[in-house]
PDB file of N, CA and C in Angstrom:
ATOM      1  N   MET A   1      98.997 124.301 108.840  1.00  0.00           N
ATOM      2  CA  MET A   1     100.174 123.590 109.113  1.00  0.00           C
ATOM      3  C   MET A   1      99.907 122.479 110.159  1.00  0.00           C
ATOM      4  N   PRO A   2     100.190 121.199 109.879  1.00  0.00           N
ATOM      5  CA  PRO A   2      99.946 120.171 110.838  1.00  0.00           C
ATOM      6  C   PRO A   2     100.790 120.273 112.085  1.00  0.00           C
ATOM      7  N   THR A   3     100.175 119.855 113.197  1.00  0.00           N
ATOM      8  CA  THR A   3     100.931 119.824 114.438  1.00  0.00           C
ATOM      9  C   THR A   3     101.786 118.649 114.455  1.00  0.00           C
ATOM     10  N   PHE A   4     102.776 118.522 115.364  1.00  0.00           N
ATOM     11  CA  PHE A   4     103.622 117.375 115.447  1.00  0.00           C
ATOM     12  C   PHE A   4     102.886 116.098 115.647  1.00  0.00           C
ATOM     13  N   MET A   5     101.873 116.104 116.427  1.00  0.00           N
ATOM     14  CA  MET A   5     101.021 114.906 116.734  1.00  0.00           C
ATOM     15  C   MET A   5     100.354 114.410 115.431  1.00  0.00           C
ATOM     16  N   GLN A   6      99.837 115.396 114.605  1.00  0.00           N
ATOM     17  CA  GLN A   6      99.102 114.954 113.370  1.00  0.00           C
ATOM     18  C   GLN A   6     100.152 114.382 112.457  1.00  0.00           C
ATOM     19  N   PHE A   7     101.228 115.034 112.313  1.00  0.00           N
ATOM     20  CA  PHE A   7     102.383 114.508 111.419  1.00  0.00           C
ATOM     21  C   PHE A   7     102.736 113.075 111.837  1.00  0.00           C
ATOM     22  N   ASP A   8     102.936 112.829 113.152  1.00  0.00           N
ATOM     23  CA  ASP A   8     103.346 111.552 113.655  1.00  0.00           C
ATOM     24  C   ASP A   8     102.295 110.547 113.279  1.00  0.00           C
ATOM     25  N   THR A   9     101.032 110.851 113.490  1.00  0.00           N
ATOM     26  CA  THR A   9      99.983 109.848 113.201  1.00  0.00           C
ATOM     27  C   THR A   9      99.998 109.516 111.687  1.00  0.00           C
ATOM     28  N   THR A  10     100.161 110.525 110.869  1.00  0.00           N
ATOM     29  CA  THR A  10     100.178 110.285 109.459  1.00  0.00           C
ATOM     30  C   THR A  10     101.356 109.301 109.080  1.00  0.00           C
ATOM     31  N   ASN A  11     102.519 109.472 109.635  1.00  0.00           N
ATOM     32  CA  ASN A  11     103.717 108.521 109.336  1.00  0.00           C
ATOM     33  C   ASN A  11     103.337 107.127 109.834  1.00  0.00           C
ATOM     34  N   LYS A  12     102.759 107.035 111.050  1.00  0.00           N
ATOM     35  CA  LYS A  12     102.441 105.690 111.497  1.00  0.00           C
ATOM     36  C   LYS A  12     101.430 105.022 110.661  1.00  0.00           C
ATOM     37  N   HIS A  13     100.428 105.702 110.089  1.00  0.00           N
ATOM     38  CA  HIS A  13      99.491 105.089 109.232  1.00  0.00           C
ATOM     39  C   HIS A  13     100.135 104.629 107.929  1.00  0.00           C
ATOM     40  N   LYS A  14     101.055 105.403 107.450  1.00  0.00           N
ATOM     41  CA  LYS A  14     101.760 105.017 106.229  1.00  0.00           C
ATOM     42  C   LYS A  14     102.537 103.700 106.369  1.00  0.00           C
ATOM     43  N   ASP A  15     103.166 103.575 107.608  1.00  0.00           N
ATOM     44  CA  ASP A  15     103.938 102.273 107.829  1.00  0.00           C
ATOM     45  C   ASP A  15     103.120 101.169 108.354  1.00  0.00           C
ATOM     46  N   GLN A  16     101.820 101.439 108.808  1.00  0.00           N
ATOM     47  CA  GLN A  16     101.070 100.338 109.419  1.00  0.00           C
ATOM     48  C   GLN A  16     100.563  99.466 108.343  1.00  0.00           C
ATOM     49  N   CYS A  17     100.529  98.080 108.747  1.00  0.00           N
ATOM     50  CA  CYS A  17      99.988  97.073 107.732  1.00  0.00           C
ATOM     51  C   CYS A  17      98.616  97.317 107.586  1.00  0.00           C
ATOM     52  N   PRO A  18      98.119  97.420 106.191  1.00  0.00           N
ATOM     53  CA  PRO A  18      96.730  97.575 105.998  1.00  0.00           C
ATOM     54  C   PRO A  18      95.907  96.239 106.148  1.00  0.00           C
ATOM     55  N   ARG A  19      96.616  95.130 106.204  1.00  0.00           N
ATOM     56  CA  ARG A  19      95.855  93.888 106.358  1.00  0.00           C
ATOM     57  C   ARG A  19      95.569  93.597 107.813  1.00  0.00           C
ATOM     58  N   CYS A  20      96.539  93.603 108.645  1.00  0.00           N
ATOM     59  CA  CYS A  20      96.411  93.206 110.056  1.00  0.00           C
ATOM     60  C   CYS A  20      96.283  94.376 111.036  1.00  0.00           C
ATOM     61  N   ASN A  21      96.741  95.518 110.593  1.00  0.00           N
ATOM     62  CA  ASN A  21      96.685  96.690 111.406  1.00  0.00           C
ATOM     63  C   ASN A  21      97.570  96.622 112.721  1.00  0.00           C
ATOM     64  N   ALA A  22      98.331  95.530 112.873  1.00  0.00           N
ATOM     65  CA  ALA A  22      99.124  95.337 114.028  1.00  0.00           C
ATOM     66  C   ALA A  22     100.561  95.452 113.688  1.00  0.00           C
ATOM     67  N   GLY A  23     100.924  95.140 112.483  1.00  0.00           N
ATOM     68  CA  GLY A  23     102.409  95.064 112.234  1.00  0.00           C
ATOM     69  C   GLY A  23     102.793  96.403 111.477  1.00  0.00           C
ATOM     70  N   LYS A  24     104.128  96.526 111.312  1.00  0.00           N
ATOM     71  CA  LYS A  24     104.651  97.753 110.764  1.00  0.00           C
ATOM     72  C   LYS A  24     105.286  97.206 109.410  1.00  0.00           C
ATOM     73  N   LEU A  25     105.032  97.907 108.281  1.00  0.00           N
ATOM     74  CA  LEU A  25     105.690  97.582 106.997  1.00  0.00           C
ATOM     75  C   LEU A  25     107.134  97.901 107.124  1.00  0.00           C
ATOM     76  N   ARG A  26     107.963  96.897 106.759  1.00  0.00           N
ATOM     77  CA  ARG A  26     109.430  97.113 106.817  1.00  0.00           C
ATOM     78  C   ARG A  26     110.087  96.779 105.469  1.00  0.00           C
ATOM     79  N   ASP A  27     111.172  97.449 105.149  1.00  0.00           N
ATOM     80  CA  ASP A  27     111.866  97.207 103.919  1.00  0.00           C
ATOM     81  C   ASP A  27     112.853  96.032 104.157  1.00  0.00           C
ATOM     82  N   TRP A  28     113.431  95.529 103.096  1.00  0.00           N
ATOM     83  CA  TRP A  28     114.365  94.454 103.159  1.00  0.00           C
ATOM     84  C   TRP A  28     115.482  94.572 104.199  1.00  0.00           C
ATOM     85  N   ASN A  29     116.050  95.721 104.269  1.00  0.00           N
ATOM     86  CA  ASN A  29     117.095  95.987 105.227  1.00  0.00           C
ATOM     87  C   ASN A  29     116.693  95.903 106.591  1.00  0.00           C
ATOM     88  N   ALA A  30     115.430  96.196 106.958  1.00  0.00           N
ATOM     89  CA  ALA A  30     114.888  96.161 108.296  1.00  0.00           C
ATOM     90  C   ALA A  30     114.502  94.751 108.735  1.00  0.00           C
ATOM     91  N   LEU A  31     114.507  93.781 107.758  1.00  0.00           N
ATOM     92  CA  LEU A  31     114.196  92.369 108.130  1.00  0.00           C
ATOM     93  C   LEU A  31     115.446  91.735 108.557  1.00  0.00           C
ATOM     94  N   ASN A  32     115.258  90.803 109.587  1.00  0.00           N
ATOM     95  CA  ASN A  32     116.498  89.917 109.937  1.00  0.00           C
ATOM     96  C   ASN A  32     116.576  88.751 108.939  1.00  0.00           C
ATOM     97  N   GLU A  33     117.564  87.931 109.096  1.00  0.00           N
ATOM     98  CA  GLU A  33     117.955  86.950 108.078  1.00  0.00           C
ATOM     99  C   GLU A  33     116.742  85.878 108.013  1.00  0.00           C
ATOM    100  N   GLU A  34     116.198  85.551 109.180  1.00  0.00           N
ATOM    101  CA  GLU A  34     115.066  84.554 109.208  1.00  0.00           C
ATOM    102  C   GLU A  34     113.905  85.172 108.540  1.00  0.00           C
ATOM    103  N   GLU A  35     113.542  86.376 108.734  1.00  0.00           N
ATOM    104  CA  GLU A  35     112.490  86.996 108.100  1.00  0.00           C
ATOM    105  C   GLU A  35     112.690  87.152 106.556  1.00  0.00           C
ATOM    106  N   ARG A  36     113.879  87.393 106.165  1.00  0.00           N
ATOM    107  CA  ARG A  36     114.213  87.403 104.704  1.00  0.00           C
ATOM    108  C   ARG A  36     113.976  86.026 104.134  1.00  0.00           C
ATOM    109  N   GLU A  37     114.358  85.014 104.813  1.00  0.00           N
ATOM    110  CA  GLU A  37     114.107  83.684 104.235  1.00  0.00           C
ATOM    111  C   GLU A  37     112.600  83.372 104.066  1.00  0.00           C
ATOM    112  N   VAL A  38     111.788  83.863 104.949  1.00  0.00           N
ATOM    113  CA  VAL A  38     110.323  83.697 104.822  1.00  0.00           C
ATOM    114  C   VAL A  38     109.876  84.465 103.591  1.00  0.00           C
ATOM    115  N   VAL A  39     110.418  85.742 103.404  1.00  0.00           N
ATOM    116  CA  VAL A  39     110.042  86.524 102.318  1.00  0.00           C
ATOM    117  C   VAL A  39     110.381  85.788 100.935  1.00  0.00           C
ATOM    118  N   ARG A  40     111.543  85.233 100.943  1.00  0.00           N
ATOM    119  CA  ARG A  40     112.033  84.431  99.761  1.00  0.00           C
ATOM    120  C   ARG A  40     111.020  83.343  99.362  1.00  0.00           C
ATOM    121  N   ARG A  41     110.313  82.824 100.326  1.00  0.00           N
ATOM    122  CA  ARG A  41     109.323  81.680 100.068  1.00  0.00           C
ATOM    123  C   ARG A  41     107.937  82.052  99.916  1.00  0.00           C
ATOM    124  N   LEU A  42     107.591  83.324 100.036  1.00  0.00           N
ATOM    125  CA  LEU A  42     106.303  83.703  99.833  1.00  0.00           C
ATOM    126  C   LEU A  42     105.846  83.629  98.383  1.00  0.00           C
ATOM    127  N   PRO A  43     104.477  83.342  98.132  1.00  0.00           N
ATOM    128  CA  PRO A  43     104.031  83.188  96.735  1.00  0.00           C
ATOM    129  C   PRO A  43     104.443  84.298  95.791  1.00  0.00           C
ATOM    130  N   THR A  44     104.608  85.454  96.188  1.00  0.00           N
ATOM    131  CA  THR A  44     104.943  86.666  95.294  1.00  0.00           C
ATOM    132  C   THR A  44     106.382  86.382  94.744  1.00  0.00           C
ATOM    133  N   SER A  45     107.135  85.620  95.395  1.00  0.00           N
ATOM    134  CA  SER A  45     108.504  85.390  94.965  1.00  0.00           C
ATOM    135  C   SER A  45     108.669  84.893  93.536  1.00  0.00           C
ATOM    136  N   ALA A  46     107.642  84.247  93.059  1.00  0.00           N
ATOM    137  CA  ALA A  46     107.557  83.641  91.766  1.00  0.00           C
ATOM    138  C   ALA A  46     107.268  84.817  90.728  1.00  0.00           C
ATOM    139  N   GLU A  47     106.683  85.891  91.179  1.00  0.00           N
ATOM    140  CA  GLU A  47     106.293  86.972  90.204  1.00  0.00           C
ATOM    141  C   GLU A  47     107.417  88.015  90.064  1.00  0.00           C
ATOM    142  N   PHE A  48     108.184  88.227  91.060  1.00  0.00           N
ATOM    143  CA  PHE A  48     109.218  89.345  91.040  1.00  0.00           C
ATOM    144  C   PHE A  48     110.589  88.708  91.392  1.00  0.00           C
ATOM    145  N   PRO A  49     111.664  89.203  90.744  1.00  0.00           N
ATOM    146  CA  PRO A  49     112.995  88.815  91.111  1.00  0.00           C
ATOM    147  C   PRO A  49     113.356  89.319  92.557  1.00  0.00           C
ATOM    148  N   VAL A  50     114.203  88.633  93.273  1.00  0.00           N
ATOM    149  CA  VAL A  50     114.543  89.004  94.603  1.00  0.00           C
ATOM    150  C   VAL A  50     115.111  90.441  94.686  1.00  0.00           C
ATOM    151  N   GLU A  51     115.946  90.736  93.631  1.00  0.00           N
ATOM    152  CA  GLU A  51     116.566  92.091  93.677  1.00  0.00           C
ATOM    153  C   GLU A  51     115.482  93.257  93.671  1.00  0.00           C
ATOM    154  N   GLU A  52     114.431  93.008  92.800  1.00  0.00           N
ATOM    155  CA  GLU A  52     113.412  94.009  92.722  1.00  0.00           C
ATOM    156  C   GLU A  52     112.530  94.025  94.013  1.00  0.00           C
ATOM    157  N   ARG A  53     112.335  92.925  94.574  1.00  0.00           N
ATOM    158  CA  ARG A  53     111.550  92.854  95.871  1.00  0.00           C
ATOM    159  C   ARG A  53     112.368  93.526  96.906  1.00  0.00           C
ATOM    160  N   ALA A  54     113.664  93.309  97.015  1.00  0.00           N
ATOM    161  CA  ALA A  54     114.521  93.835  98.041  1.00  0.00           C
ATOM    162  C   ALA A  54     114.583  95.402  97.921  1.00  0.00           C
ATOM    163  N   ASN A  55     114.536  95.896  96.736  1.00  0.00           N
ATOM    164  CA  ASN A  55     114.687  97.344  96.535  1.00  0.00           C
ATOM    165  C   ASN A  55     113.316  98.120  96.604  1.00  0.00           C
ATOM    166  N   GLN A  56     112.246  97.416  96.186  1.00  0.00           N
ATOM    167  CA  GLN A  56     110.929  98.153  96.087  1.00  0.00           C
ATOM    168  C   GLN A  56     109.802  97.751  96.969  1.00  0.00           C
ATOM    169  N   HIS A  57     109.894  96.576  97.586  1.00  0.00           N
ATOM    170  CA  HIS A  57     108.753  96.048  98.338  1.00  0.00           C
ATOM    171  C   HIS A  57     109.044  96.309  99.900  1.00  0.00           C
ATOM    172  N   ARG A  58     107.886  96.142 100.605  1.00  0.00           N
ATOM    173  CA  ARG A  58     107.857  96.196 102.020  1.00  0.00           C
ATOM    174  C   ARG A  58     106.986  95.100 102.586  1.00  0.00           C
ATOM    175  N   TRP A  59     107.340  94.584 103.775  1.00  0.00           N
ATOM    176  CA  TRP A  59     106.570  93.493 104.302  1.00  0.00           C
ATOM    177  C   TRP A  59     106.104  93.780 105.772  1.00  0.00           C
ATOM    178  N   CYS A  60     105.069  93.119 106.157  1.00  0.00           N
ATOM    179  CA  CYS A  60     104.653  93.023 107.561  1.00  0.00           C
ATOM    180  C   CYS A  60     105.049  91.686 108.116  1.00  0.00           C
ATOM    181  N   ALA A  61     105.895  91.614 109.138  1.00  0.00           N
ATOM    182  CA  ALA A  61     106.428  90.434 109.613  1.00  0.00           C
ATOM    183  C   ALA A  61     105.354  89.716 110.558  1.00  0.00           C
ATOM    184  N   GLN A  62     104.247  90.385 110.783  1.00  0.00           N
ATOM    185  CA  GLN A  62     103.200  89.782 111.542  1.00  0.00           C
ATOM    186  C   GLN A  62     102.291  88.863 110.687  1.00  0.00           C
ATOM    187  N   CYS A  63     101.868  89.331 109.477  1.00  0.00           N
ATOM    188  CA  CYS A  63     100.911  88.556 108.625  1.00  0.00           C
ATOM    189  C   CYS A  63     101.498  88.344 107.201  1.00  0.00           C
ATOM    190  N   TRP A  64     102.724  88.761 106.933  1.00  0.00           N
ATOM    191  CA  TRP A  64     103.475  88.688 105.714  1.00  0.00           C
ATOM    192  C   TRP A  64     102.725  89.321 104.540  1.00  0.00           C
ATOM    193  N   TYR A  65     102.011  90.383 104.767  1.00  0.00           N
ATOM    194  CA  TYR A  65     101.508  91.247 103.793  1.00  0.00           C
ATOM    195  C   TYR A  65     102.656  91.864 102.996  1.00  0.00           C
ATOM    196  N   GLU A  66     102.557  91.937 101.666  1.00  0.00           N
ATOM    197  CA  GLU A  66     103.600  92.519 100.818  1.00  0.00           C
ATOM    198  C   GLU A  66     103.156  93.723 100.038  1.00  0.00           C
ATOM    199  N   GLU A  67     103.816  94.810 100.186  1.00  0.00           N
ATOM    200  CA  GLU A  67     103.487  96.089  99.470  1.00  0.00           C
ATOM    201  C   GLU A  67     104.593  96.190  98.394  1.00  0.00           C
ATOM    202  N   THR A  68     104.161  96.440  97.232  1.00  0.00           N
ATOM    203  CA  THR A  68     105.088  96.775  96.108  1.00  0.00           C
ATOM    204  C   THR A  68     105.087  98.293  95.820  1.00  0.00           C
ATOM    205  N   ALA A  69     105.971  98.783  95.044  1.00  0.00           N
ATOM    206  CA  ALA A  69     106.048 100.236  94.726  1.00  0.00           C
ATOM    207  C   ALA A  69     104.782 100.671  94.022  1.00  0.00           C
ATOM    208  N   GLY A  70     104.213  99.811  93.198  1.00  0.00           N
ATOM    209  CA  GLY A  70     103.061 100.209  92.407  1.00  0.00           C
ATOM    210  C   GLY A  70     101.744  99.601  92.777  1.00  0.00           C
ATOM    211  N   ALA A  71     101.782  98.552  93.607  1.00  0.00           N
ATOM    212  CA  ALA A  71     100.630  97.820  93.993  1.00  0.00           C
ATOM    213  C   ALA A  71     100.727  97.123  95.321  1.00  0.00           C
ATOM    214  N   LEU A  72      99.618  96.730  95.856  1.00  0.00           N
ATOM    215  CA  LEU A  72      99.583  96.026  97.164  1.00  0.00           C
ATOM    216  C   LEU A  72      99.306  94.547  96.920  1.00  0.00           C
ATOM    217  N   LEU A  73     100.050  93.717  97.575  1.00  0.00           N
ATOM    218  CA  LEU A  73      99.855  92.306  97.333  1.00  0.00           C
ATOM    219  C   LEU A  73      99.602  91.549  98.611  1.00  0.00           C
ATOM    220  N   ASP A  74      98.649  90.645  98.701  1.00  0.00           N
ATOM    221  CA  ASP A  74      98.414  89.792  99.821  1.00  0.00           C
ATOM    222  C   ASP A  74      99.196  88.523  99.613  1.00  0.00           C
ATOM    223  N   ALA A  75      99.912  88.075 100.652  1.00  0.00           N
ATOM    224  CA  ALA A  75     100.690  86.864 100.599  1.00  0.00           C
ATOM    225  C   ALA A  75      99.749  85.697 100.937  1.00  0.00           C
TER     226      ALA A  75
END
């Protein structure tokens, strides 16, 4: 059985940005309005509708890495 510290580390790794390792991946609701505007302008916006991205993707506000439900995308 994992200790609390091991569990905490696992969760941090899951939310940590794999590109920059400095930012935390956040969902649409965790982004402020200015960050959402940046997300709307990222190259991936042409590939997915805003509704899908808001419901299934996560972003790093440090480097704008985008994670989808099924794949990882670099902005």
